[in-house]
Amino acid sequence: MNICIRGAITAENTKDDILAKTKELLLEIIKENSLETEDITAIFFSATKDLYKVYPAVSARSIGITDAALMCFQEMYVKESMEKCIRVTVMAESDKKQKNALHIFLGEAQKLRPDLKR
């Protein structure tokens, strides 16, 4: 069975911060959803136009996600939307049903989904 897990985090536009914050988000998604890196089949990353120093997907490779498909996109610009935000959709093989997926929103990005506040 496959599940899709959503998440987001904010970062400063530096290579180190984008990589560190993306890694933090991915590790939290993996931990909270009891995944192994080999369970992950694909990750879609999007970043707002003000984050352009490095591809967020580099973080996935650094934590051992080497067999999954990774794609990076620029997030659609919406006036007055959250800035400096990285969003992910993680697709993984799991025994969980989709309704039991734990979506992770960290830092300022928690404001995007107050209904999921932990």
PDB file of N, CA and C in Angstrom:
ATOM      1  N   MET A   1       0.849  -1.170   0.000  1.00  0.00           N
ATOM      2  CA  MET A   1       0.000   0.000   0.000  1.00  0.00           C
ATOM      3  C   MET A   1       0.903   1.244   0.000  1.00  0.00           C
ATOM      4  N   ASN A   2       0.496   2.261  -0.709  1.00  0.00           N
ATOM      5  CA  ASN A   2       1.257   3.507  -0.744  1.00  0.00           C
ATOM      6  C   ASN A   2       0.525   4.600   0.013  1.00  0.00           C
ATOM      7  N   ILE A   3       1.306   5.456   0.674  1.00  0.00           N
ATOM      8  CA  ILE A   3       0.739   6.642   1.308  1.00  0.00           C
ATOM      9  C   ILE A   3       1.504   7.863   0.826  1.00  0.00           C
ATOM     10  N   CYS A   4       0.849   9.010   0.902  1.00  0.00           N
ATOM     11  CA  CYS A   4       1.474  10.292   0.589  1.00  0.00           C
ATOM     12  C   CYS A   4       1.461  11.133   1.853  1.00  0.00           C
ATOM     13  N   ILE A   5       2.618  11.665   2.180  1.00  0.00           N
ATOM     14  CA  ILE A   5       2.772  12.456   3.397  1.00  0.00           C
ATOM     15  C   ILE A   5       3.205  13.859   3.002  1.00  0.00           C
ATOM     16  N   ARG A   6       2.504  14.850   3.536  1.00  0.00           N
ATOM     17  CA  ARG A   6       2.811  16.245   3.229  1.00  0.00           C
ATOM     18  C   ARG A   6       3.596  16.858   4.373  1.00  0.00           C
ATOM     19  N   GLY A   7       4.372  17.878   4.025  1.00  0.00           N
ATOM     20  CA  GLY A   7       5.106  18.607   5.045  1.00  0.00           C
ATOM     21  C   GLY A   7       5.629  19.915   4.510  1.00  0.00           C
ATOM     22  N   ALA A   8       6.035  20.783   5.420  1.00  0.00           N
ATOM     23  CA  ALA A   8       6.619  22.069   5.025  1.00  0.00           C
ATOM     24  C   ALA A   8       7.455  22.610   6.170  1.00  0.00           C
ATOM     25  N   ILE A   9       8.394  23.474   5.799  1.00  0.00           N
ATOM     26  CA  ILE A   9       9.270  24.137   6.762  1.00  0.00           C
ATOM     27  C   ILE A   9       9.775  25.424   6.113  1.00  0.00           C
ATOM     28  N   THR A  10      10.147  26.377   6.912  1.00  0.00           N
ATOM     29  CA  THR A  10      10.719  27.609   6.386  1.00  0.00           C
ATOM     30  C   THR A  10      12.234  27.583   6.571  1.00  0.00           C
ATOM     31  N   ALA A  11      12.937  28.335   5.720  1.00  0.00           N
ATOM     32  CA  ALA A  11      14.403  28.369   5.759  1.00  0.00           C
ATOM     33  C   ALA A  11      14.891  29.714   5.256  1.00  0.00           C
ATOM     34  N   GLU A  12      16.108  30.024   5.602  1.00  0.00           N
ATOM     35  CA  GLU A  12      16.778  31.201   5.039  1.00  0.00           C
ATOM     36  C   GLU A  12      17.394  30.795   3.711  1.00  0.00           C
ATOM     37  N   ASN A  13      17.612  31.759   2.841  1.00  0.00           N
ATOM     38  CA  ASN A  13      18.154  31.473   1.513  1.00  0.00           C
ATOM     39  C   ASN A  13      19.679  31.335   1.535  1.00  0.00           C
ATOM     40  N   THR A  14      20.137  30.335   2.262  1.00  0.00           N
ATOM     41  CA  THR A  14      21.548  29.948   2.227  1.00  0.00           C
ATOM     42  C   THR A  14      21.581  28.449   1.957  1.00  0.00           C
ATOM     43  N   LYS A  15      22.630  28.004   1.317  1.00  0.00           N
ATOM     44  CA  LYS A  15      22.762  26.578   1.021  1.00  0.00           C
ATOM     45  C   LYS A  15      22.663  25.761   2.304  1.00  0.00           C
ATOM     46  N   ASP A  16      23.404  26.177   3.335  1.00  0.00           N
ATOM     47  CA  ASP A  16      23.424  25.414   4.583  1.00  0.00           C
ATOM     48  C   ASP A  16      22.056  25.346   5.244  1.00  0.00           C
ATOM     49  N   ASP A  17      21.325  26.463   5.276  1.00  0.00           N
ATOM     50  CA  ASP A  17      20.028  26.464   5.953  1.00  0.00           C
ATOM     51  C   ASP A  17      18.982  25.678   5.168  1.00  0.00           C
ATOM     52  N   ILE A  18      18.963  25.821   3.864  1.00  0.00           N
ATOM     53  CA  ILE A  18      18.016  25.051   3.048  1.00  0.00           C
ATOM     54  C   ILE A  18      18.249  23.557   3.246  1.00  0.00           C
ATOM     55  N   LEU A  19      19.511  23.140   3.210  1.00  0.00           N
ATOM     56  CA  LEU A  19      19.820  21.715   3.391  1.00  0.00           C
ATOM     57  C   LEU A  19      19.494  21.243   4.805  1.00  0.00           C
ATOM     58  N   ALA A  20      19.834  22.041   5.811  1.00  0.00           N
ATOM     59  CA  ALA A  20      19.586  21.653   7.198  1.00  0.00           C
ATOM     60  C   ALA A  20      18.088  21.564   7.493  1.00  0.00           C
ATOM     61  N   LYS A  21      17.326  22.540   7.033  1.00  0.00           N
ATOM     62  CA  LYS A  21      15.887  22.546   7.317  1.00  0.00           C
ATOM     63  C   LYS A  21      15.173  21.443   6.544  1.00  0.00           C
ATOM     64  N   THR A  22      15.590  21.192   5.327  1.00  0.00           N
ATOM     65  CA  THR A  22      14.980  20.099   4.557  1.00  0.00           C
ATOM     66  C   THR A  22      15.278  18.763   5.220  1.00  0.00           C
ATOM     67  N   LYS A  23      16.510  18.583   5.654  1.00  0.00           N
ATOM     68  CA  LYS A  23      16.891  17.356   6.359  1.00  0.00           C
ATOM     69  C   LYS A  23      16.056  17.183   7.626  1.00  0.00           C
ATOM     70  N   GLU A  24      15.904  18.259   8.399  1.00  0.00           N
ATOM     71  CA  GLU A  24      15.098  18.214   9.622  1.00  0.00           C
ATOM     72  C   GLU A  24      13.669  17.764   9.314  1.00  0.00           C
ATOM     73  N   LEU A  25      13.086  18.337   8.280  1.00  0.00           N
ATOM     74  CA  LEU A  25      11.716  17.993   7.898  1.00  0.00           C
ATOM     75  C   LEU A  25      11.610  16.528   7.471  1.00  0.00           C
ATOM     76  N   LEU A  26      12.516  16.087   6.608  1.00  0.00           N
ATOM     77  CA  LEU A  26      12.471  14.706   6.142  1.00  0.00           C
ATOM     78  C   LEU A  26      12.654  13.707   7.277  1.00  0.00           C
ATOM     79  N   LEU A  27      13.599  13.972   8.175  1.00  0.00           N
ATOM     80  CA  LEU A  27      13.833  13.063   9.295  1.00  0.00           C
ATOM     81  C   LEU A  27      12.621  12.989  10.217  1.00  0.00           C
ATOM     82  N   GLU A  28      11.940  14.100  10.404  1.00  0.00           N
ATOM     83  CA  GLU A  28      10.736  14.117  11.241  1.00  0.00           C
ATOM     84  C   GLU A  28       9.595  13.333  10.574  1.00  0.00           C
ATOM     85  N   ILE A  29       9.451  13.503   9.275  1.00  0.00           N
ATOM     86  CA  ILE A  29       8.432  12.736   8.536  1.00  0.00           C
ATOM     87  C   ILE A  29       8.718  11.239   8.639  1.00  0.00           C
ATOM     88  N   ILE A  30       9.973  10.853   8.446  1.00  0.00           N
ATOM     89  CA  ILE A  30      10.367   9.447   8.532  1.00  0.00           C
ATOM     90  C   ILE A  30      10.100   8.897   9.928  1.00  0.00           C
ATOM     91  N   LYS A  31      10.508   9.637  10.953  1.00  0.00           N
ATOM     92  CA  LYS A  31      10.333   9.185  12.339  1.00  0.00           C
ATOM     93  C   LYS A  31       8.853   9.070  12.700  1.00  0.00           C
ATOM     94  N   GLU A  32       8.092  10.110  12.460  1.00  0.00           N
ATOM     95  CA  GLU A  32       6.688  10.145  12.882  1.00  0.00           C
ATOM     96  C   GLU A  32       5.813   9.153  12.128  1.00  0.00           C
ATOM     97  N   ASN A  33       6.237   8.762  10.939  1.00  0.00           N
ATOM     98  CA  ASN A  33       5.466   7.808  10.149  1.00  0.00           C
ATOM     99  C   ASN A  33       6.074   6.414  10.144  1.00  0.00           C
ATOM    100  N   SER A  34       7.079   6.208  11.009  1.00  0.00           N
ATOM    101  CA  SER A  34       7.733   4.901  11.156  1.00  0.00           C
ATOM    102  C   SER A  34       8.180   4.328   9.818  1.00  0.00           C
ATOM    103  N   LEU A  35       8.843   5.164   9.022  1.00  0.00           N
ATOM    104  CA  LEU A  35       9.331   4.747   7.705  1.00  0.00           C
ATOM    105  C   LEU A  35      10.807   4.368   7.770  1.00  0.00           C
ATOM    106  N   GLU A  36      11.219   3.582   6.827  1.00  0.00           N
ATOM    107  CA  GLU A  36      12.631   3.350   6.543  1.00  0.00           C
ATOM    108  C   GLU A  36      12.913   4.097   5.245  1.00  0.00           C
ATOM    109  N   THR A  37      14.150   4.535   5.034  1.00  0.00           N
ATOM    110  CA  THR A  37      14.436   5.291   3.813  1.00  0.00           C
ATOM    111  C   THR A  37      14.111   4.472   2.560  1.00  0.00           C
ATOM    112  N   GLU A  38      14.275   3.160   2.641  1.00  0.00           N
ATOM    113  CA  GLU A  38      13.980   2.336   1.461  1.00  0.00           C
ATOM    114  C   GLU A  38      12.478   2.202   1.197  1.00  0.00           C
ATOM    115  N   ASP A  39      11.630   2.610   2.141  1.00  0.00           N
ATOM    116  CA  ASP A  39      10.175   2.623   1.927  1.00  0.00           C
ATOM    117  C   ASP A  39       9.754   3.775   1.015  1.00  0.00           C
ATOM    118  N   ILE A  40      10.590   4.792   0.920  1.00  0.00           N
ATOM    119  CA  ILE A  40      10.236   5.999   0.174  1.00  0.00           C
ATOM    120  C   ILE A  40      10.439   5.757  -1.319  1.00  0.00           C
ATOM    121  N   THR A  41       9.386   5.972  -2.103  1.00  0.00           N
ATOM    122  CA  THR A  41       9.464   5.736  -3.542  1.00  0.00           C
ATOM    123  C   THR A  41       9.673   7.020  -4.335  1.00  0.00           C
ATOM    124  N   ALA A  42       9.201   8.159  -3.799  1.00  0.00           N
ATOM    125  CA  ALA A  42       9.367   9.438  -4.495  1.00  0.00           C
ATOM    126  C   ALA A  42       9.147  10.585  -3.518  1.00  0.00           C
ATOM    127  N   ILE A  43       9.812  11.691  -3.797  1.00  0.00           N
ATOM    128  CA  ILE A  43       9.585  12.924  -3.034  1.00  0.00           C
ATOM    129  C   ILE A  43       9.536  14.077  -4.018  1.00  0.00           C
ATOM    130  N   PHE A  44       8.481  14.861  -3.909  1.00  0.00           N
ATOM    131  CA  PHE A  44       8.370  16.112  -4.658  1.00  0.00           C
ATOM    132  C   PHE A  44       8.648  17.248  -3.689  1.00  0.00           C
ATOM    133  N   PHE A  45       9.569  18.109  -4.075  1.00  0.00           N
ATOM    134  CA  PHE A  45       9.918  19.290  -3.289  1.00  0.00           C
ATOM    135  C   PHE A  45       9.478  20.524  -4.050  1.00  0.00           C
ATOM    136  N   SER A  46       8.917  21.485  -3.348  1.00  0.00           N
ATOM    137  CA  SER A  46       8.713  22.791  -3.963  1.00  0.00           C
ATOM    138  C   SER A  46       9.291  23.825  -3.007  1.00  0.00           C
ATOM    139  N   ALA A  47       9.763  24.918  -3.584  1.00  0.00           N
ATOM    140  CA  ALA A  47      10.314  26.008  -2.781  1.00  0.00           C
ATOM    141  C   ALA A  47       9.803  27.319  -3.354  1.00  0.00           C
ATOM    142  N   THR A  48       9.581  28.260  -2.480  1.00  0.00           N
ATOM    143  CA  THR A  48       9.156  29.576  -2.932  1.00  0.00           C
ATOM    144  C   THR A  48      10.306  30.238  -3.689  1.00  0.00           C
ATOM    145  N   LYS A  49       9.966  31.232  -4.500  1.00  0.00           N
ATOM    146  CA  LYS A  49      10.952  31.821  -5.415  1.00  0.00           C
ATOM    147  C   LYS A  49      12.122  32.496  -4.706  1.00  0.00           C
ATOM    148  N   ASP A  50      12.005  32.744  -3.413  1.00  0.00           N
ATOM    149  CA  ASP A  50      13.083  33.391  -2.668  1.00  0.00           C
ATOM    150  C   ASP A  50      14.090  32.397  -2.095  1.00  0.00           C
ATOM    151  N   LEU A  51      13.919  31.116  -2.370  1.00  0.00           N
ATOM    152  CA  LEU A  51      14.880  30.082  -1.974  1.00  0.00           C
ATOM    153  C   LEU A  51      15.488  29.475  -3.235  1.00  0.00           C
ATOM    154  N   TYR A  52      16.737  29.830  -3.520  1.00  0.00           N
ATOM    155  CA  TYR A  52      17.325  29.416  -4.797  1.00  0.00           C
ATOM    156  C   TYR A  52      18.809  29.052  -4.713  1.00  0.00           C
ATOM    157  N   LYS A  53      19.337  28.871  -3.519  1.00  0.00           N
ATOM    158  CA  LYS A  53      20.778  28.603  -3.377  1.00  0.00           C
ATOM    159  C   LYS A  53      21.161  27.138  -3.596  1.00  0.00           C
ATOM    160  N   VAL A  54      20.195  26.216  -3.437  1.00  0.00           N
ATOM    161  CA  VAL A  54      20.483  24.784  -3.592  1.00  0.00           C
ATOM    162  C   VAL A  54      19.162  24.039  -3.757  1.00  0.00           C
ATOM    163  N   TYR A  55      19.215  22.901  -4.412  1.00  0.00           N
ATOM    164  CA  TYR A  55      18.027  22.052  -4.524  1.00  0.00           C
ATOM    165  C   TYR A  55      17.772  21.355  -3.182  1.00  0.00           C
ATOM    166  N   PRO A  56      16.556  21.430  -2.653  1.00  0.00           N
ATOM    167  CA  PRO A  56      16.262  20.733  -1.401  1.00  0.00           C
ATOM    168  C   PRO A  56      16.490  19.221  -1.486  1.00  0.00           C
ATOM    169  N   ALA A  57      16.369  18.645  -2.655  1.00  0.00           N
ATOM    170  CA  ALA A  57      16.537  17.197  -2.825  1.00  0.00           C
ATOM    171  C   ALA A  57      17.930  16.716  -2.426  1.00  0.00           C
ATOM    172  N   VAL A  58      18.901  17.598  -2.436  1.00  0.00           N
ATOM    173  CA  VAL A  58      20.262  17.219  -2.030  1.00  0.00           C
ATOM    174  C   VAL A  58      20.235  16.642  -0.612  1.00  0.00           C
ATOM    175  N   SER A  59      19.366  17.174   0.236  1.00  0.00           N
ATOM    176  CA  SER A  59      19.248  16.668   1.614  1.00  0.00           C
ATOM    177  C   SER A  59      18.779  15.229   1.661  1.00  0.00           C
ATOM    178  N   ALA A  60      17.877  14.866   0.781  1.00  0.00           N
ATOM    179  CA  ALA A  60      17.371  13.491   0.762  1.00  0.00           C
ATOM    180  C   ALA A  60      18.505  12.512   0.484  1.00  0.00           C
ATOM    181  N   ARG A  61      19.324  12.827  -0.489  1.00  0.00           N
ATOM    182  CA  ARG A  61      20.446  11.944  -0.815  1.00  0.00           C
ATOM    183  C   ARG A  61      21.418  11.841   0.365  1.00  0.00           C
ATOM    184  N   SER A  62      21.597  12.949   1.091  1.00  0.00           N
ATOM    185  CA  SER A  62      22.560  12.961   2.202  1.00  0.00           C
ATOM    186  C   SER A  62      22.116  12.089   3.371  1.00  0.00           C
ATOM    187  N   ILE A  63      20.811  11.766   3.460  1.00  0.00           N
ATOM    188  CA  ILE A  63      20.348  10.898   4.552  1.00  0.00           C
ATOM    189  C   ILE A  63      20.033   9.486   4.061  1.00  0.00           C
ATOM    190  N   GLY A  64      20.490   9.154   2.870  1.00  0.00           N
ATOM    191  CA  GLY A  64      20.391   7.790   2.389  1.00  0.00           C
ATOM    192  C   GLY A  64      19.196   7.470   1.515  1.00  0.00           C
ATOM    193  N   ILE A  65      18.445   8.480   1.101  1.00  0.00           N
ATOM    194  CA  ILE A  65      17.333   8.226   0.186  1.00  0.00           C
ATOM    195  C   ILE A  65      17.921   8.253  -1.219  1.00  0.00           C
ATOM    196  N   THR A  66      18.344   7.068  -1.677  1.00  0.00           N
ATOM    197  CA  THR A  66      19.104   7.000  -2.930  1.00  0.00           C
ATOM    198  C   THR A  66      18.361   6.297  -4.063  1.00  0.00           C
ATOM    199  N   ASP A  67      17.294   5.575  -3.736  1.00  0.00           N
ATOM    200  CA  ASP A  67      16.569   4.845  -4.776  1.00  0.00           C
ATOM    201  C   ASP A  67      15.259   5.515  -5.175  1.00  0.00           C
ATOM    202  N   ALA A  68      14.844   6.517  -4.426  1.00  0.00           N
ATOM    203  CA  ALA A  68      13.570   7.193  -4.699  1.00  0.00           C
ATOM    204  C   ALA A  68      13.732   8.232  -5.811  1.00  0.00           C
ATOM    205  N   ALA A  69      12.648   8.479  -6.517  1.00  0.00           N
ATOM    206  CA  ALA A  69      12.625   9.565  -7.498  1.00  0.00           C
ATOM    207  C   ALA A  69      12.483  10.887  -6.737  1.00  0.00           C
ATOM    208  N   LEU A  70      13.308  11.862  -7.086  1.00  0.00           N
ATOM    209  CA  LEU A  70      13.270  13.171  -6.431  1.00  0.00           C
ATOM    210  C   LEU A  70      13.086  14.253  -7.487  1.00  0.00           C
ATOM    211  N   MET A  71      12.163  15.160  -7.247  1.00  0.00           N
ATOM    212  CA  MET A  71      11.929  16.274  -8.170  1.00  0.00           C
ATOM    213  C   MET A  71      11.780  17.556  -7.379  1.00  0.00           C
ATOM    214  N   CYS A  72      12.361  18.629  -7.906  1.00  0.00           N
ATOM    215  CA  CYS A  72      12.253  19.950  -7.279  1.00  0.00           C
ATOM    216  C   CYS A  72      11.529  20.896  -8.224  1.00  0.00           C
ATOM    217  N   PHE A  73      10.637  21.694  -7.654  1.00  0.00           N
ATOM    218  CA  PHE A  73       9.845  22.652  -8.418  1.00  0.00           C
ATOM    219  C   PHE A  73       9.820  23.985  -7.693  1.00  0.00           C
ATOM    220  N   GLN A  74       9.557  25.036  -8.443  1.00  0.00           N
ATOM    221  CA  GLN A  74       9.302  26.317  -7.807  1.00  0.00           C
ATOM    222  C   GLN A  74       7.821  26.378  -7.461  1.00  0.00           C
ATOM    223  N   GLU A  75       7.529  26.742  -6.230  1.00  0.00           N
ATOM    224  CA  GLU A  75       6.143  26.872  -5.765  1.00  0.00           C
ATOM    225  C   GLU A  75       5.449  28.003  -6.519  1.00  0.00           C
ATOM    226  N   MET A  76       4.208  27.801  -6.865  1.00  0.00           N
ATOM    227  CA  MET A  76       3.425  28.845  -7.514  1.00  0.00           C
ATOM    228  C   MET A  76       3.405  30.092  -6.634  1.00  0.00           C
ATOM    229  N   TYR A  77       3.635  31.245  -7.239  1.00  0.00           N
ATOM    230  CA  TYR A  77       3.603  32.498  -6.481  1.00  0.00           C
ATOM    231  C   TYR A  77       2.162  32.934  -6.274  1.00  0.00           C
ATOM    232  N   VAL A  78       1.810  33.157  -5.027  1.00  0.00           N
ATOM    233  CA  VAL A  78       0.507  33.697  -4.669  1.00  0.00           C
ATOM    234  C   VAL A  78       0.770  34.921  -3.797  1.00  0.00           C
ATOM    235  N   LYS A  79       0.220  36.033  -4.186  1.00  0.00           N
ATOM    236  CA  LYS A  79       0.423  37.282  -3.458  1.00  0.00           C
ATOM    237  C   LYS A  79       0.100  37.093  -1.974  1.00  0.00           C
ATOM    238  N   GLU A  80       1.015  37.576  -1.141  1.00  0.00           N
ATOM    239  CA  GLU A  80       0.897  37.543   0.324  1.00  0.00           C
ATOM    240  C   GLU A  80       0.952  36.133   0.905  1.00  0.00           C
ATOM    241  N   SER A  81       1.479  35.173   0.146  1.00  0.00           N
ATOM    242  CA  SER A  81       1.624  33.821   0.684  1.00  0.00           C
ATOM    243  C   SER A  81       2.920  33.737   1.497  1.00  0.00           C
ATOM    244  N   MET A  82       3.093  32.631   2.192  1.00  0.00           N
ATOM    245  CA  MET A  82       4.269  32.435   3.032  1.00  0.00           C
ATOM    246  C   MET A  82       5.537  32.462   2.186  1.00  0.00           C
ATOM    247  N   GLU A  83       6.530  33.185   2.665  1.00  0.00           N
ATOM    248  CA  GLU A  83       7.820  33.275   1.988  1.00  0.00           C
ATOM    249  C   GLU A  83       8.800  32.269   2.587  1.00  0.00           C
ATOM    250  N   LYS A  84       9.870  32.020   1.838  1.00  0.00           N
ATOM    251  CA  LYS A  84      10.977  31.169   2.290  1.00  0.00           C
ATOM    252  C   LYS A  84      10.491  29.820   2.804  1.00  0.00           C
ATOM    253  N   CYS A  85       9.655  29.178   2.005  1.00  0.00           N
ATOM    254  CA  CYS A  85       9.017  27.935   2.431  1.00  0.00           C
ATOM    255  C   CYS A  85       9.364  26.785   1.487  1.00  0.00           C
ATOM    256  N   ILE A  86       9.720  25.664   2.080  1.00  0.00           N
ATOM    257  CA  ILE A  86       9.962  24.414   1.360  1.00  0.00           C
ATOM    258  C   ILE A  86       8.807  23.481   1.700  1.00  0.00           C
ATOM    259  N   ARG A  87       8.177  22.947   0.679  1.00  0.00           N
ATOM    260  CA  ARG A  87       7.085  21.992   0.865  1.00  0.00           C
ATOM    261  C   ARG A  87       7.494  20.654   0.254  1.00  0.00           C
ATOM    262  N   VAL A  88       7.011  19.569   0.857  1.00  0.00           N
ATOM    263  CA  VAL A  88       7.318  18.237   0.330  1.00  0.00           C
ATOM    264  C   VAL A  88       6.063  17.379   0.267  1.00  0.00           C
ATOM    265  N   THR A  89       6.067  16.486  -0.681  1.00  0.00           N
ATOM    266  CA  THR A  89       5.137  15.365  -0.714  1.00  0.00           C
ATOM    267  C   THR A  89       6.010  14.120  -0.781  1.00  0.00           C
ATOM    268  N   VAL A  90       5.906  13.295   0.242  1.00  0.00           N
ATOM    269  CA  VAL A  90       6.683  12.058   0.326  1.00  0.00           C
ATOM    270  C   VAL A  90       5.740  10.901   0.019  1.00  0.00           C
ATOM    271  N   MET A  91       6.095  10.108  -0.969  1.00  0.00           N
ATOM    272  CA  MET A  91       5.329   8.915  -1.302  1.00  0.00           C
ATOM    273  C   MET A  91       6.120   7.701  -0.827  1.00  0.00           C
ATOM    274  N   ALA A  92       5.422   6.842  -0.083  1.00  0.00           N
ATOM    275  CA  ALA A  92       6.122   5.717   0.523  1.00  0.00           C
ATOM    276  C   ALA A  92       5.235   4.481   0.579  1.00  0.00           C
ATOM    277  N   GLU A  93       5.904   3.343   0.595  1.00  0.00           N
ATOM    278  CA  GLU A  93       5.216   2.081   0.829  1.00  0.00           C
ATOM    279  C   GLU A  93       5.020   1.941   2.331  1.00  0.00           C
ATOM    280  N   SER A  94       3.803   1.598   2.733  1.00  0.00           N
ATOM    281  CA  SER A  94       3.502   1.517   4.164  1.00  0.00           C
ATOM    282  C   SER A  94       2.279   0.645   4.381  1.00  0.00           C
ATOM    283  N   ASP A  95       2.185   0.079   5.576  1.00  0.00           N
ATOM    284  CA  ASP A  95       0.989  -0.658   5.956  1.00  0.00           C
ATOM    285  C   ASP A  95      -0.110   0.287   6.431  1.00  0.00           C
ATOM    286  N   LYS A  96       0.234   1.562   6.635  1.00  0.00           N
ATOM    287  CA  LYS A  96      -0.745   2.545   7.092  1.00  0.00           C
ATOM    288  C   LYS A  96      -1.729   2.896   5.988  1.00  0.00           C
ATOM    289  N   LYS A  97      -2.932   3.215   6.379  1.00  0.00           N
ATOM    290  CA  LYS A  97      -3.903   3.779   5.447  1.00  0.00           C
ATOM    291  C   LYS A  97      -3.613   5.274   5.314  1.00  0.00           C
ATOM    292  N   GLN A  98      -3.983   5.864   4.193  1.00  0.00           N
ATOM    293  CA  GLN A  98      -3.711   7.274   3.953  1.00  0.00           C
ATOM    294  C   GLN A  98      -4.230   8.155   5.083  1.00  0.00           C
ATOM    295  N   LYS A  99      -5.389   7.832   5.635  1.00  0.00           N
ATOM    296  CA  LYS A  99      -5.970   8.665   6.695  1.00  0.00           C
ATOM    297  C   LYS A  99      -5.117   8.661   7.964  1.00  0.00           C
ATOM    298  N   ASN A 100      -4.186   7.718   8.080  1.00  0.00           N
ATOM    299  CA  ASN A 100      -3.318   7.639   9.254  1.00  0.00           C
ATOM    300  C   ASN A 100      -1.939   8.241   9.025  1.00  0.00           C
ATOM    301  N   ALA A 101      -1.701   8.797   7.839  1.00  0.00           N
ATOM    302  CA  ALA A 101      -0.418   9.453   7.568  1.00  0.00           C
ATOM    303  C   ALA A 101      -0.291  10.682   8.471  1.00  0.00           C
ATOM    304  N   LEU A 102       0.893  10.875   9.020  1.00  0.00           N
ATOM    305  CA  LEU A 102       1.138  12.032   9.879  1.00  0.00           C
ATOM    306  C   LEU A 102       1.878  13.092   9.069  1.00  0.00           C
ATOM    307  N   HIS A 103       1.187  14.157   8.733  1.00  0.00           N
ATOM    308  CA  HIS A 103       1.750  15.256   7.956  1.00  0.00           C
ATOM    309  C   HIS A 103       2.492  16.185   8.918  1.00  0.00           C
ATOM    310  N   ILE A 104       3.652  16.664   8.485  1.00  0.00           N
ATOM    311  CA  ILE A 104       4.539  17.407   9.385  1.00  0.00           C
ATOM    312  C   ILE A 104       4.781  18.817   8.864  1.00  0.00           C
ATOM    313  N   PHE A 105       4.419  19.798   9.660  1.00  0.00           N
ATOM    314  CA  PHE A 105       4.640  21.207   9.336  1.00  0.00           C
ATOM    315  C   PHE A 105       5.417  21.817  10.496  1.00  0.00           C
ATOM    316  N   LEU A 106       6.617  22.321  10.196  1.00  0.00           N
ATOM    317  CA  LEU A 106       7.530  22.802  11.235  1.00  0.00           C
ATOM    318  C   LEU A 106       7.795  24.300  11.102  1.00  0.00           C
ATOM    319  N   GLY A 107       8.242  24.896  12.200  1.00  0.00           N
ATOM    320  CA  GLY A 107       8.604  26.319  12.186  1.00  0.00           C
ATOM    321  C   GLY A 107       7.419  27.178  11.791  1.00  0.00           C
ATOM    322  N   GLU A 108       7.691  28.226  11.049  1.00  0.00           N
ATOM    323  CA  GLU A 108       6.643  29.143  10.594  1.00  0.00           C
ATOM    324  C   GLU A 108       5.619  28.450   9.712  1.00  0.00           C
ATOM    325  N   ALA A 109       6.024  27.349   9.077  1.00  0.00           N
ATOM    326  CA  ALA A 109       5.121  26.630   8.180  1.00  0.00           C
ATOM    327  C   ALA A 109       3.959  25.973   8.928  1.00  0.00           C
ATOM    328  N   GLN A 110       4.031  25.905  10.247  1.00  0.00           N
ATOM    329  CA  GLN A 110       2.899  25.394  11.020  1.00  0.00           C
ATOM    330  C   GLN A 110       1.648  26.232  10.777  1.00  0.00           C
ATOM    331  N   LYS A 111       1.842  27.488  10.411  1.00  0.00           N
ATOM    332  CA  LYS A 111       0.713  28.383  10.138  1.00  0.00           C
ATOM    333  C   LYS A 111      -0.075  27.943   8.909  1.00  0.00           C
ATOM    334  N   LEU A 112       0.553  27.168   8.037  1.00  0.00           N
ATOM    335  CA  LEU A 112      -0.137  26.700   6.828  1.00  0.00           C
ATOM    336  C   LEU A 112      -1.225  25.680   7.166  1.00  0.00           C
ATOM    337  N   ARG A 113      -1.008  24.891   8.203  1.00  0.00           N
ATOM    338  CA  ARG A 113      -1.958  23.849   8.585  1.00  0.00           C
ATOM    339  C   ARG A 113      -2.162  23.846  10.093  1.00  0.00           C
ATOM    340  N   PRO A 114      -2.824  24.871  10.633  1.00  0.00           N
ATOM    341  CA  PRO A 114      -3.047  24.905  12.083  1.00  0.00           C
ATOM    342  C   PRO A 114      -3.874  23.720  12.585  1.00  0.00           C
ATOM    343  N   ASP A 115      -4.627  23.090  11.707  1.00  0.00           N
ATOM    344  CA  ASP A 115      -5.418  21.925  12.072  1.00  0.00           C
ATOM    345  C   ASP A 115      -4.550  20.709  12.392  1.00  0.00           C
ATOM    346  N   LEU A 116      -3.286  20.748  11.995  1.00  0.00           N
ATOM    347  CA  LEU A 116      -2.381  19.616  12.251  1.00  0.00           C
ATOM    348  C   LEU A 116      -1.397  19.893  13.375  1.00  0.00           C
ATOM    349  N   LYS A 117      -1.570  20.990  14.080  1.00  0.00           N
ATOM    350  CA  LYS A 117      -0.619  21.359  15.141  1.00  0.00           C
ATOM    351  C   LYS A 117      -0.535  20.238  16.171  1.00  0.00           C
ATOM    352  N   ARG A 118       0.710  19.878  16.482  1.00  0.00           N
ATOM    353  CA  ARG A 118       0.932  18.791  17.441  1.00  0.00           C
ATOM    354  C   ARG A 118       1.236  19.349  18.804  1.00  0.00           C
TER     355      ARG A 118
END
